[in-house]
C-alpha cells in the first residue's frame, strides 16, 4: 500500500483542519477509505504540526463539497501542484463571495469550476 499523499502546509494557520480519523468519522467511513480518497486525488491533505490533516472547508455537513473532487482533477490535469491548488482555493477573490473554496459552498460553485477549467487550459 502506498504512502498517504500530502503537501506542505502553505495555508494560513487560521484555516481549520481535520485529522484523518476525524474526516473518516465525519464521512462515516473507515480511515483507510480516507487514505484512498487522498491517493485518488479526491481530497488534498497537508502536514500541519506533524499531523496529516484536510481543510475542514472541504466538507459540507457530512459530505465532501459536491464539485470539489472534479475541481481538483481539472486543476491537476492543468499542471497545478497541490500546493498551488490550495493557494488558489484559499486566496480571497473580490469577484466571488470570499475565496474559491468559500464559493464552492454557494450557488457560485459552477463558476469556480468554470474558472478552474479556464486556468488549466
N, C-alpha and C. Protein backbone atom coordinates (compact mmCIF):
# COMPACT_ATOMS: atom_id res chain seq x y z
N UNK A 1 0.84 -1.17 0.00
CA UNK A 1 0.00 0.00 0.00
C UNK A 1 0.89 1.24 0.00
N UNK A 2 0.56 2.22 -0.81
CA UNK A 2 1.40 3.41 -0.92
C UNK A 2 1.16 4.35 0.25
N UNK A 3 2.09 5.26 0.40
CA UNK A 3 2.01 6.24 1.49
C UNK A 3 0.84 7.19 1.27
N UNK A 4 0.44 7.82 2.34
CA UNK A 4 -0.65 8.79 2.27
C UNK A 4 -0.07 10.09 1.71
N UNK A 5 -0.60 10.58 0.59
CA UNK A 5 -0.04 11.80 -0.01
C UNK A 5 -0.46 13.05 0.78
N UNK A 6 0.47 13.97 0.89
CA UNK A 6 0.18 15.27 1.49
C UNK A 6 1.14 16.28 0.91
N UNK A 7 0.82 17.54 1.08
CA UNK A 7 1.68 18.62 0.59
C UNK A 7 2.09 19.47 1.78
N UNK A 8 3.02 20.37 1.52
CA UNK A 8 3.44 21.29 2.57
C UNK A 8 2.27 22.16 3.00
N UNK A 9 2.27 22.55 4.23
CA UNK A 9 1.20 23.39 4.77
C UNK A 9 1.48 24.84 4.41
N UNK A 10 0.87 25.29 3.33
CA UNK A 10 1.02 26.68 2.89
C UNK A 10 -0.19 27.53 3.32
N UNK A 11 -1.10 26.91 4.04
CA UNK A 11 -2.33 27.60 4.45
C UNK A 11 -2.10 28.47 5.67
N UNK A 12 -2.91 29.50 5.77
CA UNK A 12 -2.90 30.36 6.94
C UNK A 12 -3.21 29.51 8.17
N UNK A 13 -2.54 29.78 9.29
CA UNK A 13 -2.81 29.00 10.50
C UNK A 13 -4.27 29.06 10.96
N UNK A 14 -5.00 30.07 10.52
CA UNK A 14 -6.40 30.18 10.93
C UNK A 14 -7.31 29.20 10.19
N UNK A 15 -6.82 28.57 9.11
CA UNK A 15 -7.63 27.59 8.37
C UNK A 15 -7.81 26.36 9.25
N UNK A 16 -9.05 26.05 9.54
CA UNK A 16 -9.38 24.90 10.40
C UNK A 16 -9.13 23.60 9.65
N UNK A 17 -8.48 22.66 10.34
CA UNK A 17 -8.12 21.39 9.74
C UNK A 17 -8.78 20.23 10.49
N UNK A 18 -8.98 19.13 9.78
CA UNK A 18 -9.49 17.90 10.38
C UNK A 18 -8.45 16.80 10.19
N UNK A 19 -8.11 16.12 11.27
CA UNK A 19 -7.22 14.99 11.17
C UNK A 19 -7.94 13.86 10.45
N UNK A 20 -7.19 12.95 9.85
CA UNK A 20 -7.79 11.91 9.02
C UNK A 20 -8.80 11.04 9.76
N UNK A 21 -8.56 10.65 11.02
CA UNK A 21 -9.61 9.90 11.72
C UNK A 21 -10.91 10.70 11.89
N UNK A 22 -10.78 12.03 12.04
CA UNK A 22 -11.96 12.88 12.15
C UNK A 22 -12.69 12.98 10.82
N UNK A 23 -11.94 13.01 9.71
CA UNK A 23 -12.56 13.01 8.38
C UNK A 23 -13.34 11.71 8.20
N UNK A 24 -12.73 10.60 8.58
CA UNK A 24 -13.40 9.30 8.45
C UNK A 24 -14.70 9.28 9.25
N UNK A 25 -14.65 9.78 10.47
CA UNK A 25 -15.84 9.80 11.32
C UNK A 25 -16.92 10.69 10.70
N UNK A 26 -16.52 11.88 10.21
CA UNK A 26 -17.46 12.81 9.60
C UNK A 26 -18.17 12.18 8.40
N UNK A 27 -17.40 11.47 7.57
CA UNK A 27 -17.95 10.88 6.36
C UNK A 27 -18.58 9.50 6.58
N UNK A 28 -18.41 8.97 7.79
CA UNK A 28 -18.95 7.65 8.08
C UNK A 28 -18.18 6.54 7.36
N UNK A 29 -16.87 6.71 7.26
CA UNK A 29 -16.01 5.76 6.56
C UNK A 29 -14.93 5.23 7.49
N UNK A 30 -14.27 4.19 7.06
CA UNK A 30 -13.08 3.76 7.78
C UNK A 30 -11.93 4.65 7.31
N UNK A 31 -10.95 4.83 8.16
CA UNK A 31 -9.86 5.76 7.84
C UNK A 31 -9.07 5.32 6.61
N UNK A 32 -9.01 4.03 6.35
CA UNK A 32 -8.30 3.58 5.15
C UNK A 32 -9.00 4.04 3.87
N UNK A 33 -10.31 4.21 3.92
CA UNK A 33 -11.03 4.75 2.75
C UNK A 33 -10.66 6.22 2.54
N UNK A 34 -10.45 6.97 3.62
CA UNK A 34 -10.00 8.36 3.50
C UNK A 34 -8.60 8.38 2.89
N UNK A 35 -7.73 7.46 3.30
CA UNK A 35 -6.40 7.36 2.70
C UNK A 35 -6.53 7.15 1.19
N UNK A 36 -7.45 6.28 0.80
CA UNK A 36 -7.65 6.01 -0.62
C UNK A 36 -8.18 7.25 -1.35
N UNK A 37 -9.06 7.99 -0.72
CA UNK A 37 -9.56 9.22 -1.32
C UNK A 37 -8.41 10.19 -1.59
N UNK A 38 -7.46 10.26 -0.67
CA UNK A 38 -6.29 11.12 -0.86
C UNK A 38 -5.43 10.60 -2.01
N UNK A 39 -5.20 9.29 -2.06
CA UNK A 39 -4.40 8.71 -3.14
C UNK A 39 -5.10 8.90 -4.49
N UNK A 40 -6.44 8.85 -4.49
CA UNK A 40 -7.20 9.03 -5.73
C UNK A 40 -7.35 10.49 -6.14
N UNK A 41 -6.89 11.41 -5.31
CA UNK A 41 -6.95 12.83 -5.64
C UNK A 41 -8.28 13.49 -5.37
N UNK A 42 -9.14 12.84 -4.60
CA UNK A 42 -10.46 13.41 -4.29
C UNK A 42 -10.36 14.50 -3.22
N UNK A 43 -9.28 14.49 -2.46
CA UNK A 43 -9.02 15.47 -1.41
C UNK A 43 -7.54 15.83 -1.45
N UNK A 44 -7.18 16.89 -0.77
CA UNK A 44 -5.77 17.27 -0.59
C UNK A 44 -5.52 17.37 0.91
N UNK A 45 -4.42 16.78 1.34
CA UNK A 45 -4.03 16.85 2.75
C UNK A 45 -2.74 17.64 2.88
N UNK A 46 -2.56 18.22 4.04
CA UNK A 46 -1.31 18.90 4.38
C UNK A 46 -0.80 18.31 5.70
N UNK A 47 0.47 18.50 5.93
CA UNK A 47 1.03 18.06 7.21
C UNK A 47 1.24 19.31 8.05
N UNK A 48 0.44 19.43 9.09
CA UNK A 48 0.50 20.59 9.99
C UNK A 48 0.90 20.08 11.36
N UNK A 49 1.95 20.65 11.89
CA UNK A 49 2.44 20.25 13.21
C UNK A 49 2.67 18.74 13.29
N UNK A 50 3.15 18.16 12.18
CA UNK A 50 3.46 16.74 12.16
C UNK A 50 2.28 15.83 11.96
N UNK A 51 1.08 16.39 11.75
CA UNK A 51 -0.14 15.58 11.61
C UNK A 51 -0.76 15.84 10.24
N UNK A 52 -1.03 14.77 9.52
CA UNK A 52 -1.68 14.89 8.21
C UNK A 52 -3.15 15.23 8.42
N UNK A 53 -3.57 16.33 7.80
CA UNK A 53 -4.93 16.84 8.00
C UNK A 53 -5.49 17.37 6.69
N UNK A 54 -6.80 17.54 6.67
CA UNK A 54 -7.52 18.04 5.50
C UNK A 54 -8.28 19.30 5.93
N UNK A 55 -8.30 20.34 5.08
CA UNK A 55 -9.05 21.55 5.44
C UNK A 55 -10.53 21.23 5.71
N UNK A 56 -11.03 21.72 6.81
CA UNK A 56 -12.43 21.48 7.19
C UNK A 56 -13.40 22.03 6.15
N UNK A 57 -13.00 23.09 5.45
CA UNK A 57 -13.90 23.70 4.46
C UNK A 57 -14.07 22.83 3.21
N UNK A 58 -13.39 21.70 3.13
CA UNK A 58 -13.60 20.77 2.03
C UNK A 58 -14.88 19.95 2.23
N UNK A 59 -15.55 20.19 3.36
CA UNK A 59 -16.73 19.40 3.70
C UNK A 59 -17.93 20.29 3.92
N UNK A 60 -19.09 19.75 3.58
CA UNK A 60 -20.36 20.41 3.83
C UNK A 60 -21.23 19.38 4.53
N UNK A 61 -21.48 19.64 5.81
CA UNK A 61 -22.20 18.64 6.59
C UNK A 61 -21.35 17.40 6.71
N UNK A 62 -21.91 16.26 6.32
CA UNK A 62 -21.16 15.01 6.41
C UNK A 62 -20.74 14.49 5.03
N UNK A 63 -20.49 15.42 4.11
CA UNK A 63 -20.08 15.07 2.75
C UNK A 63 -18.95 15.96 2.28
N UNK A 64 -18.21 15.47 1.28
CA UNK A 64 -17.23 16.31 0.60
C UNK A 64 -18.02 17.32 -0.22
N UNK A 65 -17.56 18.57 -0.26
CA UNK A 65 -18.22 19.60 -1.07
C UNK A 65 -18.43 19.03 -2.48
N UNK A 66 -19.62 19.18 -2.97
CA UNK A 66 -20.11 18.46 -4.15
C UNK A 66 -19.16 18.45 -5.35
N UNK A 67 -18.68 19.54 -5.81
CA UNK A 67 -17.88 19.59 -7.03
C UNK A 67 -16.37 19.58 -6.77
N UNK A 68 -15.97 19.45 -5.52
CA UNK A 68 -14.55 19.56 -5.18
C UNK A 68 -13.67 18.50 -5.84
N UNK A 69 -14.00 17.21 -5.80
CA UNK A 69 -13.11 16.24 -6.44
C UNK A 69 -12.88 16.53 -7.93
N UNK A 70 -13.92 16.92 -8.64
CA UNK A 70 -13.77 17.26 -10.05
C UNK A 70 -12.92 18.50 -10.25
N UNK A 71 -13.11 19.49 -9.40
CA UNK A 71 -12.31 20.71 -9.46
C UNK A 71 -10.83 20.40 -9.26
N UNK A 72 -10.53 19.56 -8.27
CA UNK A 72 -9.13 19.19 -8.02
C UNK A 72 -8.55 18.47 -9.23
N UNK A 73 -9.33 17.58 -9.84
CA UNK A 73 -8.87 16.87 -11.02
C UNK A 73 -8.58 17.78 -12.19
N UNK A 74 -9.45 18.76 -12.42
CA UNK A 74 -9.26 19.72 -13.50
C UNK A 74 -7.96 20.49 -13.31
N UNK A 75 -7.73 20.96 -12.09
CA UNK A 75 -6.53 21.75 -11.83
C UNK A 75 -5.27 20.89 -11.92
N UNK A 76 -5.32 19.67 -11.41
CA UNK A 76 -4.15 18.78 -11.53
C UNK A 76 -3.87 18.46 -13.00
N UNK A 77 -4.92 18.19 -13.76
CA UNK A 77 -4.74 17.91 -15.19
C UNK A 77 -4.14 19.11 -15.91
N UNK A 78 -4.39 20.30 -15.39
CA UNK A 78 -3.84 21.52 -15.97
C UNK A 78 -2.41 21.81 -15.52
N UNK A 79 -1.85 20.92 -14.71
CA UNK A 79 -0.46 21.08 -14.32
C UNK A 79 -0.22 21.75 -12.98
N UNK A 80 -1.27 22.02 -12.24
CA UNK A 80 -1.11 22.67 -10.94
C UNK A 80 -0.74 21.65 -9.87
N UNK A 81 0.20 22.04 -9.01
CA UNK A 81 0.57 21.19 -7.88
C UNK A 81 -0.48 21.34 -6.79
N UNK A 82 -0.46 20.42 -5.84
CA UNK A 82 -1.42 20.52 -4.73
C UNK A 82 -1.22 21.81 -3.95
N UNK A 83 0.02 22.23 -3.76
CA UNK A 83 0.27 23.49 -3.03
C UNK A 83 -0.31 24.67 -3.81
N UNK A 84 -0.16 24.68 -5.13
CA UNK A 84 -0.72 25.77 -5.95
C UNK A 84 -2.24 25.75 -5.90
N UNK A 85 -2.82 24.56 -5.92
CA UNK A 85 -4.27 24.43 -5.84
C UNK A 85 -4.78 24.99 -4.51
N UNK A 86 -4.14 24.60 -3.42
CA UNK A 86 -4.54 25.11 -2.11
C UNK A 86 -4.41 26.63 -2.04
N UNK A 87 -3.30 27.14 -2.55
CA UNK A 87 -3.10 28.60 -2.53
C UNK A 87 -4.24 29.30 -3.26
N UNK A 88 -4.62 28.78 -4.45
CA UNK A 88 -5.70 29.38 -5.22
C UNK A 88 -7.04 29.26 -4.49
N UNK A 89 -7.33 28.08 -3.95
CA UNK A 89 -8.61 27.86 -3.28
C UNK A 89 -8.81 28.76 -2.06
N UNK A 90 -7.72 29.10 -1.38
CA UNK A 90 -7.82 29.84 -0.13
C UNK A 90 -7.39 31.30 -0.24
N UNK A 91 -7.25 31.81 -1.47
CA UNK A 91 -6.91 33.22 -1.68
C UNK A 91 -8.18 34.01 -1.96
N UNK A 92 -8.36 35.12 -1.25
CA UNK A 92 -9.53 35.96 -1.45
C UNK A 92 -9.66 36.39 -2.91
N UNK A 93 -10.89 36.41 -3.41
CA UNK A 93 -11.19 36.84 -4.77
C UNK A 93 -12.38 37.79 -4.68
N UNK A 94 -12.13 39.05 -5.02
CA UNK A 94 -13.18 40.07 -4.86
C UNK A 94 -14.37 39.83 -5.79
N UNK A 95 -14.23 38.98 -6.81
CA UNK A 95 -15.35 38.71 -7.72
C UNK A 95 -16.17 37.50 -7.28
N UNK A 96 -15.77 36.89 -6.18
CA UNK A 96 -16.50 35.75 -5.61
C UNK A 96 -16.91 36.09 -4.18
N UNK A 97 -17.81 35.30 -3.62
CA UNK A 97 -18.11 35.50 -2.19
C UNK A 97 -16.98 34.93 -1.33
N UNK A 98 -15.91 35.69 -1.19
CA UNK A 98 -14.76 35.26 -0.39
C UNK A 98 -13.70 34.58 -1.23
N UNK A 99 -13.32 33.39 -0.82
CA UNK A 99 -12.32 32.61 -1.54
C UNK A 99 -13.01 31.60 -2.45
N UNK A 100 -12.28 31.02 -3.40
CA UNK A 100 -12.91 29.98 -4.22
C UNK A 100 -13.49 28.83 -3.39
N UNK A 101 -12.81 28.42 -2.32
CA UNK A 101 -13.36 27.33 -1.51
C UNK A 101 -14.63 27.77 -0.79
N UNK A 102 -14.71 29.04 -0.37
CA UNK A 102 -15.96 29.55 0.21
C UNK A 102 -17.07 29.51 -0.83
N UNK A 103 -16.75 29.92 -2.05
CA UNK A 103 -17.74 29.97 -3.13
C UNK A 103 -18.23 28.57 -3.50
N UNK A 104 -17.41 27.55 -3.26
CA UNK A 104 -17.83 26.17 -3.55
C UNK A 104 -19.02 25.75 -2.68
N UNK A 105 -19.26 26.48 -1.60
CA UNK A 105 -20.38 26.17 -0.70
C UNK A 105 -21.64 26.95 -1.08
N UNK A 106 -21.58 27.69 -2.18
CA UNK A 106 -22.70 28.55 -2.59
C UNK A 106 -23.14 28.20 -4.01
N UNK A 107 -24.06 29.01 -4.52
CA UNK A 107 -24.51 28.86 -5.91
C UNK A 107 -23.41 29.22 -6.90
N UNK A 108 -22.29 29.75 -6.43
CA UNK A 108 -21.17 30.12 -7.31
C UNK A 108 -20.22 28.96 -7.59
N UNK A 109 -20.53 27.76 -7.11
CA UNK A 109 -19.62 26.62 -7.26
C UNK A 109 -19.31 26.34 -8.73
N UNK A 110 -20.30 26.37 -9.58
CA UNK A 110 -20.05 26.10 -11.00
C UNK A 110 -19.16 27.18 -11.62
N UNK A 111 -19.28 28.41 -11.16
CA UNK A 111 -18.42 29.48 -11.64
C UNK A 111 -16.97 29.21 -11.25
N UNK A 112 -16.75 28.70 -10.05
CA UNK A 112 -15.40 28.36 -9.60
C UNK A 112 -14.83 27.27 -10.50
N UNK A 113 -15.62 26.25 -10.80
CA UNK A 113 -15.16 25.17 -11.68
C UNK A 113 -14.87 25.72 -13.07
N UNK A 114 -15.72 26.59 -13.58
CA UNK A 114 -15.50 27.18 -14.90
C UNK A 114 -14.18 27.94 -14.94
N UNK A 115 -13.90 28.72 -13.89
CA UNK A 115 -12.64 29.46 -13.82
C UNK A 115 -11.45 28.52 -13.75
N UNK A 116 -11.60 27.44 -13.01
CA UNK A 116 -10.50 26.46 -12.92
C UNK A 116 -10.24 25.84 -14.29
N UNK A 117 -11.30 25.55 -15.03
CA UNK A 117 -11.12 24.99 -16.37
C UNK A 117 -10.40 25.98 -17.27
N UNK A 118 -10.75 27.26 -17.18
CA UNK A 118 -10.09 28.28 -17.99
C UNK A 118 -8.62 28.43 -17.60
N UNK A 119 -8.31 28.33 -16.31
CA UNK A 119 -6.93 28.45 -15.85
C UNK A 119 -6.10 27.25 -16.29
N UNK A 120 -6.72 26.09 -16.31
CA UNK A 120 -5.99 24.85 -16.55
C UNK A 120 -5.69 24.60 -18.04
N UNK A 121 -6.39 25.32 -18.91
CA UNK A 121 -6.18 25.04 -20.34
C UNK A 121 -5.91 26.26 -21.15
